[in-house]
């Protein structure tokens, strides 16, 4: 046993294929991960469990990812937040990084970029 602490990640994305892909990748990388399909569920979940990293879609129905990000930071200010998008929303990504998001990922993802983020966690 190496004594290395396991990273816990939360994936918040309305697209099931993205949630499933990231959960599989994280499992292969030795990361404990859970996924939810909307921001309201994510906010409720982080009140019960703590995560080291949150991969958060910017565009979702009901409430956008930037608003969810601001709420999650209130509950888990020490987590690392990675914003994800398949759209041209550079203004929202810039705003999120000013608020403390450590990175933004454009869909489709580069697996090596995700691995780099996990390694730096």
N, C-alpha and C. Protein backbone atom coordinates (compact mmCIF):
# COMPACT_ATOMS: atom_id res chain seq x y z
N UNK A 1 0.84 -1.18 0.00
CA UNK A 1 0.00 0.00 0.00
C UNK A 1 0.88 1.24 0.00
N UNK A 2 0.64 2.13 -0.92
CA UNK A 2 1.51 3.29 -1.09
C UNK A 2 1.22 4.41 -0.11
N UNK A 3 0.05 4.41 0.51
CA UNK A 3 -0.30 5.48 1.43
C UNK A 3 -0.79 6.74 0.72
N UNK A 4 -0.82 6.70 -0.58
CA UNK A 4 -1.28 7.84 -1.36
C UNK A 4 -2.80 7.93 -1.26
N UNK A 5 -3.28 9.13 -0.98
CA UNK A 5 -4.72 9.34 -0.83
C UNK A 5 -5.41 9.28 -2.18
N UNK A 6 -6.57 8.64 -2.21
CA UNK A 6 -7.35 8.52 -3.44
C UNK A 6 -8.07 9.84 -3.72
N UNK A 7 -7.99 10.30 -4.94
CA UNK A 7 -8.69 11.51 -5.36
C UNK A 7 -10.16 11.18 -5.55
N UNK A 8 -11.02 12.07 -5.09
CA UNK A 8 -12.47 11.90 -5.26
C UNK A 8 -12.95 13.00 -6.20
N UNK A 9 -13.62 12.59 -7.28
CA UNK A 9 -14.07 13.55 -8.29
C UNK A 9 -15.58 13.45 -8.48
N UNK A 10 -16.16 14.60 -8.79
CA UNK A 10 -17.58 14.68 -9.13
C UNK A 10 -17.68 15.19 -10.56
N UNK A 11 -18.48 14.51 -11.37
CA UNK A 11 -18.75 14.91 -12.75
C UNK A 11 -20.18 15.43 -12.81
N UNK A 12 -20.34 16.65 -13.32
CA UNK A 12 -21.67 17.25 -13.45
C UNK A 12 -21.87 17.59 -14.92
N UNK A 13 -22.71 16.81 -15.59
CA UNK A 13 -22.95 17.01 -17.02
C UNK A 13 -24.31 16.43 -17.38
N UNK A 14 -25.06 17.13 -18.20
CA UNK A 14 -26.39 16.65 -18.59
C UNK A 14 -26.32 15.55 -19.64
N UNK A 15 -25.17 15.34 -20.25
CA UNK A 15 -25.02 14.31 -21.27
C UNK A 15 -24.51 13.01 -20.65
N UNK A 16 -25.33 11.97 -20.72
CA UNK A 16 -24.98 10.68 -20.14
C UNK A 16 -23.67 10.13 -20.72
N UNK A 17 -23.46 10.29 -22.00
CA UNK A 17 -22.24 9.75 -22.63
C UNK A 17 -20.98 10.39 -22.04
N UNK A 18 -21.05 11.66 -21.71
CA UNK A 18 -19.91 12.35 -21.11
C UNK A 18 -19.70 11.85 -19.68
N UNK A 19 -20.77 11.74 -18.92
CA UNK A 19 -20.66 11.23 -17.54
C UNK A 19 -20.05 9.83 -17.55
N UNK A 20 -20.58 8.96 -18.40
CA UNK A 20 -20.09 7.58 -18.46
C UNK A 20 -18.62 7.52 -18.88
N UNK A 21 -18.25 8.31 -19.88
CA UNK A 21 -16.86 8.33 -20.35
C UNK A 21 -15.91 8.74 -19.22
N UNK A 22 -16.24 9.84 -18.54
CA UNK A 22 -15.35 10.33 -17.49
C UNK A 22 -15.29 9.38 -16.30
N UNK A 23 -16.41 8.78 -15.94
CA UNK A 23 -16.40 7.80 -14.84
C UNK A 23 -15.50 6.62 -15.19
N UNK A 24 -15.59 6.12 -16.42
CA UNK A 24 -14.73 5.00 -16.84
C UNK A 24 -13.25 5.40 -16.81
N UNK A 25 -12.96 6.58 -17.36
CA UNK A 25 -11.57 7.05 -17.38
C UNK A 25 -11.04 7.23 -15.96
N UNK A 26 -11.83 7.85 -15.09
CA UNK A 26 -11.37 8.07 -13.72
C UNK A 26 -11.15 6.75 -13.00
N UNK A 27 -12.02 5.78 -13.22
CA UNK A 27 -11.86 4.47 -12.59
C UNK A 27 -10.54 3.84 -13.03
N UNK A 28 -10.23 3.92 -14.32
CA UNK A 28 -8.96 3.39 -14.83
C UNK A 28 -7.76 4.10 -14.22
N UNK A 29 -7.93 5.37 -13.88
CA UNK A 29 -6.85 6.18 -13.32
C UNK A 29 -6.78 6.08 -11.79
N UNK A 30 -7.64 5.27 -11.18
CA UNK A 30 -7.62 5.09 -9.74
C UNK A 30 -8.31 6.22 -8.97
N UNK A 31 -9.19 6.94 -9.65
CA UNK A 31 -9.92 8.05 -9.03
C UNK A 31 -11.32 7.57 -8.66
N UNK A 32 -11.74 7.87 -7.44
CA UNK A 32 -13.12 7.58 -7.04
C UNK A 32 -13.98 8.67 -7.64
N UNK A 33 -14.99 8.29 -8.41
CA UNK A 33 -15.79 9.31 -9.09
C UNK A 33 -17.27 9.00 -9.01
N UNK A 34 -18.04 10.06 -8.94
CA UNK A 34 -19.49 9.98 -9.01
C UNK A 34 -19.94 11.00 -10.04
N UNK A 35 -21.13 10.78 -10.60
CA UNK A 35 -21.63 11.67 -11.63
C UNK A 35 -23.09 11.99 -11.39
N UNK A 36 -23.44 13.23 -11.71
CA UNK A 36 -24.83 13.67 -11.64
C UNK A 36 -25.16 14.43 -12.92
N UNK A 37 -26.46 14.53 -13.22
CA UNK A 37 -26.86 15.09 -14.51
C UNK A 37 -27.28 16.56 -14.46
N UNK A 38 -27.34 17.15 -13.26
CA UNK A 38 -27.71 18.56 -13.23
C UNK A 38 -27.10 19.26 -12.02
N UNK A 39 -27.11 20.58 -12.11
CA UNK A 39 -26.49 21.40 -11.09
C UNK A 39 -27.16 21.33 -9.73
N UNK A 40 -28.48 21.25 -9.72
CA UNK A 40 -29.18 21.19 -8.43
C UNK A 40 -28.79 19.94 -7.65
N UNK A 41 -28.70 18.82 -8.36
CA UNK A 41 -28.29 17.57 -7.72
C UNK A 41 -26.86 17.68 -7.21
N UNK A 42 -25.99 18.31 -7.98
CA UNK A 42 -24.59 18.50 -7.57
C UNK A 42 -24.50 19.31 -6.29
N UNK A 43 -25.27 20.39 -6.21
CA UNK A 43 -25.24 21.24 -5.02
C UNK A 43 -25.69 20.45 -3.80
N UNK A 44 -26.74 19.65 -3.95
CA UNK A 44 -27.21 18.84 -2.82
C UNK A 44 -26.18 17.77 -2.45
N UNK A 45 -25.53 17.18 -3.45
CA UNK A 45 -24.56 16.12 -3.19
C UNK A 45 -23.36 16.63 -2.40
N UNK A 46 -22.85 17.81 -2.74
CA UNK A 46 -21.65 18.30 -2.05
C UNK A 46 -21.95 18.74 -0.62
N UNK A 47 -23.21 18.86 -0.29
CA UNK A 47 -23.57 19.13 1.10
C UNK A 47 -23.43 17.87 1.95
N UNK A 48 -23.46 16.70 1.28
CA UNK A 48 -23.36 15.41 1.97
C UNK A 48 -21.97 14.79 1.87
N UNK A 49 -21.28 15.02 0.73
CA UNK A 49 -19.98 14.39 0.47
C UNK A 49 -19.00 15.46 0.02
N UNK A 50 -17.73 15.21 0.28
CA UNK A 50 -16.69 16.14 -0.16
C UNK A 50 -15.92 15.52 -1.33
N UNK A 51 -15.55 16.37 -2.27
CA UNK A 51 -14.80 15.94 -3.45
C UNK A 51 -13.54 16.81 -3.57
N UNK A 52 -12.51 16.21 -4.16
CA UNK A 52 -11.27 16.95 -4.39
C UNK A 52 -11.35 17.76 -5.69
N UNK A 53 -12.05 17.19 -6.66
CA UNK A 53 -12.17 17.82 -7.98
C UNK A 53 -13.60 17.74 -8.46
N UNK A 54 -14.01 18.78 -9.20
CA UNK A 54 -15.34 18.79 -9.80
C UNK A 54 -15.18 19.15 -11.27
N UNK A 55 -15.65 18.27 -12.13
CA UNK A 55 -15.67 18.50 -13.58
C UNK A 55 -17.09 18.93 -13.90
N UNK A 56 -17.25 20.18 -14.32
CA UNK A 56 -18.55 20.81 -14.38
C UNK A 56 -18.84 21.37 -15.77
N UNK A 57 -19.93 20.88 -16.37
CA UNK A 57 -20.36 21.38 -17.68
C UNK A 57 -20.86 22.81 -17.54
N UNK A 58 -20.51 23.66 -18.48
CA UNK A 58 -20.94 25.05 -18.44
C UNK A 58 -22.40 25.20 -18.84
N UNK A 59 -22.80 24.49 -19.90
CA UNK A 59 -24.17 24.61 -20.41
C UNK A 59 -25.00 23.39 -20.04
N UNK A 60 -25.98 23.64 -19.16
CA UNK A 60 -26.90 22.58 -18.75
C UNK A 60 -28.30 23.17 -18.64
N UNK A 61 -29.33 22.34 -18.79
CA UNK A 61 -30.69 22.83 -18.58
C UNK A 61 -30.91 23.20 -17.12
N UNK A 62 -31.92 23.97 -16.85
CA UNK A 62 -32.34 24.39 -15.51
C UNK A 62 -31.44 25.47 -14.92
N UNK A 63 -30.15 25.18 -14.76
CA UNK A 63 -29.22 26.16 -14.18
C UNK A 63 -27.86 25.97 -14.86
N UNK A 64 -27.22 27.08 -15.24
CA UNK A 64 -25.96 26.93 -15.97
C UNK A 64 -24.81 26.62 -15.02
N UNK A 65 -23.78 26.06 -15.60
CA UNK A 65 -22.63 25.58 -14.83
C UNK A 65 -21.91 26.66 -14.05
N UNK A 66 -21.87 27.88 -14.56
CA UNK A 66 -21.18 28.95 -13.85
C UNK A 66 -21.90 29.26 -12.54
N UNK A 67 -23.23 29.28 -12.56
CA UNK A 67 -23.99 29.52 -11.34
C UNK A 67 -23.79 28.37 -10.35
N UNK A 68 -23.76 27.15 -10.87
CA UNK A 68 -23.52 25.98 -10.02
C UNK A 68 -22.12 26.07 -9.42
N UNK A 69 -21.15 26.45 -10.22
CA UNK A 69 -19.77 26.61 -9.76
C UNK A 69 -19.70 27.56 -8.57
N UNK A 70 -20.36 28.69 -8.66
CA UNK A 70 -20.33 29.67 -7.57
C UNK A 70 -20.94 29.09 -6.29
N UNK A 71 -22.01 28.32 -6.44
CA UNK A 71 -22.64 27.70 -5.26
C UNK A 71 -21.76 26.60 -4.67
N UNK A 72 -21.16 25.78 -5.54
CA UNK A 72 -20.30 24.70 -5.06
C UNK A 72 -19.10 25.26 -4.31
N UNK A 73 -18.55 26.36 -4.80
CA UNK A 73 -17.38 26.97 -4.14
C UNK A 73 -17.71 27.43 -2.72
N UNK A 74 -18.95 27.81 -2.48
CA UNK A 74 -19.34 28.21 -1.13
C UNK A 74 -19.29 27.03 -0.17
N UNK A 75 -19.68 25.84 -0.68
CA UNK A 75 -19.72 24.64 0.15
C UNK A 75 -18.35 23.96 0.22
N UNK A 76 -17.64 23.93 -0.91
CA UNK A 76 -16.33 23.28 -1.00
C UNK A 76 -15.30 24.24 -1.60
N UNK A 77 -14.85 25.24 -0.85
CA UNK A 77 -13.92 26.20 -1.42
C UNK A 77 -12.55 25.61 -1.77
N UNK A 78 -12.18 24.50 -1.14
CA UNK A 78 -10.87 23.92 -1.38
C UNK A 78 -10.78 22.97 -2.56
N UNK A 79 -11.90 22.65 -3.17
CA UNK A 79 -11.89 21.71 -4.31
C UNK A 79 -11.31 22.38 -5.54
N UNK A 80 -10.85 21.56 -6.47
CA UNK A 80 -10.36 22.06 -7.76
C UNK A 80 -11.50 21.91 -8.76
N UNK A 81 -11.79 22.99 -9.46
CA UNK A 81 -12.92 23.01 -10.40
C UNK A 81 -12.42 23.10 -11.82
N UNK A 82 -12.94 22.21 -12.67
CA UNK A 82 -12.61 22.19 -14.09
C UNK A 82 -13.91 22.38 -14.85
N UNK A 83 -13.97 23.45 -15.62
CA UNK A 83 -15.17 23.74 -16.40
C UNK A 83 -15.05 23.02 -17.74
N UNK A 84 -16.19 22.48 -18.23
CA UNK A 84 -16.20 21.74 -19.50
C UNK A 84 -17.25 22.36 -20.42
N UNK A 85 -16.93 22.38 -21.71
CA UNK A 85 -17.91 22.90 -22.66
C UNK A 85 -17.67 22.37 -24.06
N UNK A 86 -18.73 22.29 -24.80
CA UNK A 86 -18.67 21.96 -26.22
C UNK A 86 -19.03 23.18 -27.05
N UNK A 87 -19.22 24.30 -26.39
CA UNK A 87 -19.67 25.53 -27.05
C UNK A 87 -18.62 26.62 -26.94
N UNK A 88 -18.79 27.64 -27.74
CA UNK A 88 -17.92 28.81 -27.66
C UNK A 88 -18.47 29.74 -26.58
N UNK A 89 -17.99 29.55 -25.39
CA UNK A 89 -18.44 30.37 -24.25
C UNK A 89 -17.21 30.90 -23.51
N UNK A 90 -16.30 31.47 -24.26
CA UNK A 90 -15.04 31.92 -23.68
C UNK A 90 -15.24 32.93 -22.55
N UNK A 91 -16.29 33.76 -22.64
CA UNK A 91 -16.54 34.74 -21.59
C UNK A 91 -16.87 34.04 -20.26
N UNK A 92 -17.69 32.99 -20.31
CA UNK A 92 -18.02 32.25 -19.10
C UNK A 92 -16.81 31.50 -18.55
N UNK A 93 -16.01 30.93 -19.44
CA UNK A 93 -14.82 30.21 -19.00
C UNK A 93 -13.83 31.17 -18.35
N UNK A 94 -13.67 32.34 -18.92
CA UNK A 94 -12.77 33.35 -18.34
C UNK A 94 -13.27 33.78 -16.97
N UNK A 95 -14.57 34.00 -16.86
CA UNK A 95 -15.15 34.40 -15.57
C UNK A 95 -14.94 33.32 -14.52
N UNK A 96 -15.11 32.07 -14.92
CA UNK A 96 -14.93 30.96 -13.98
C UNK A 96 -13.48 30.88 -13.52
N UNK A 97 -12.55 31.09 -14.44
CA UNK A 97 -11.14 31.04 -14.04
C UNK A 97 -10.79 32.20 -13.12
N UNK A 98 -11.39 33.35 -13.33
CA UNK A 98 -11.17 34.48 -12.42
C UNK A 98 -11.71 34.17 -11.03
N UNK A 99 -12.76 33.36 -10.97
CA UNK A 99 -13.37 32.97 -9.69
C UNK A 99 -12.67 31.78 -9.04
N UNK A 100 -11.70 31.18 -9.73
CA UNK A 100 -10.93 30.10 -9.12
C UNK A 100 -10.94 28.76 -9.81
N UNK A 101 -11.64 28.62 -10.93
CA UNK A 101 -11.57 27.35 -11.66
C UNK A 101 -10.13 27.16 -12.15
N UNK A 102 -9.61 25.95 -12.02
CA UNK A 102 -8.20 25.75 -12.38
C UNK A 102 -7.99 25.50 -13.86
N UNK A 103 -9.05 25.10 -14.58
CA UNK A 103 -8.89 24.81 -15.99
C UNK A 103 -10.24 24.75 -16.67
N UNK A 104 -10.19 24.76 -18.00
CA UNK A 104 -11.40 24.53 -18.78
C UNK A 104 -11.05 23.51 -19.86
N UNK A 105 -11.97 22.61 -20.09
CA UNK A 105 -11.80 21.56 -21.10
C UNK A 105 -12.82 21.77 -22.20
N UNK A 106 -12.37 21.68 -23.43
CA UNK A 106 -13.28 21.76 -24.58
C UNK A 106 -13.63 20.34 -25.02
N UNK A 107 -14.91 20.13 -25.27
CA UNK A 107 -15.36 18.85 -25.80
C UNK A 107 -15.17 18.88 -27.31
N UNK A 108 -14.74 17.81 -27.95
CA UNK A 108 -14.36 16.52 -27.39
C UNK A 108 -13.04 16.63 -26.60
N UNK A 109 -12.93 15.85 -25.55
CA UNK A 109 -11.80 15.92 -24.65
C UNK A 109 -10.55 15.27 -25.22
N UNK A 110 -9.42 15.79 -24.76
CA UNK A 110 -8.13 15.15 -24.98
C UNK A 110 -7.84 14.36 -23.70
N UNK A 111 -7.76 13.05 -23.80
CA UNK A 111 -7.56 12.21 -22.62
C UNK A 111 -6.29 12.61 -21.86
N UNK A 112 -5.23 12.92 -22.57
CA UNK A 112 -3.98 13.29 -21.90
C UNK A 112 -4.13 14.56 -21.09
N UNK A 113 -4.96 15.48 -21.54
CA UNK A 113 -5.19 16.71 -20.78
C UNK A 113 -5.91 16.40 -19.46
N UNK A 114 -6.86 15.48 -19.50
CA UNK A 114 -7.56 15.08 -18.28
C UNK A 114 -6.58 14.37 -17.34
N UNK A 115 -5.76 13.49 -17.87
CA UNK A 115 -4.76 12.80 -17.04
C UNK A 115 -3.79 13.79 -16.39
N UNK A 116 -3.41 14.83 -17.13
CA UNK A 116 -2.51 15.85 -16.58
C UNK A 116 -3.17 16.57 -15.40
N UNK A 117 -4.46 16.90 -15.56
CA UNK A 117 -5.19 17.57 -14.48
C UNK A 117 -5.27 16.66 -13.24
N UNK A 118 -5.52 15.38 -13.45
CA UNK A 118 -5.58 14.44 -12.33
C UNK A 118 -4.23 14.31 -11.65
N UNK A 119 -3.18 14.25 -12.44
CA UNK A 119 -1.83 14.12 -11.87
C UNK A 119 -1.45 15.34 -11.04
N UNK A 120 -1.93 16.50 -11.43
CA UNK A 120 -1.62 17.72 -10.69
C UNK A 120 -2.51 17.93 -9.48
N UNK A 121 -3.51 17.09 -9.32
CA UNK A 121 -4.42 17.22 -8.17
C UNK A 121 -3.71 16.73 -6.93
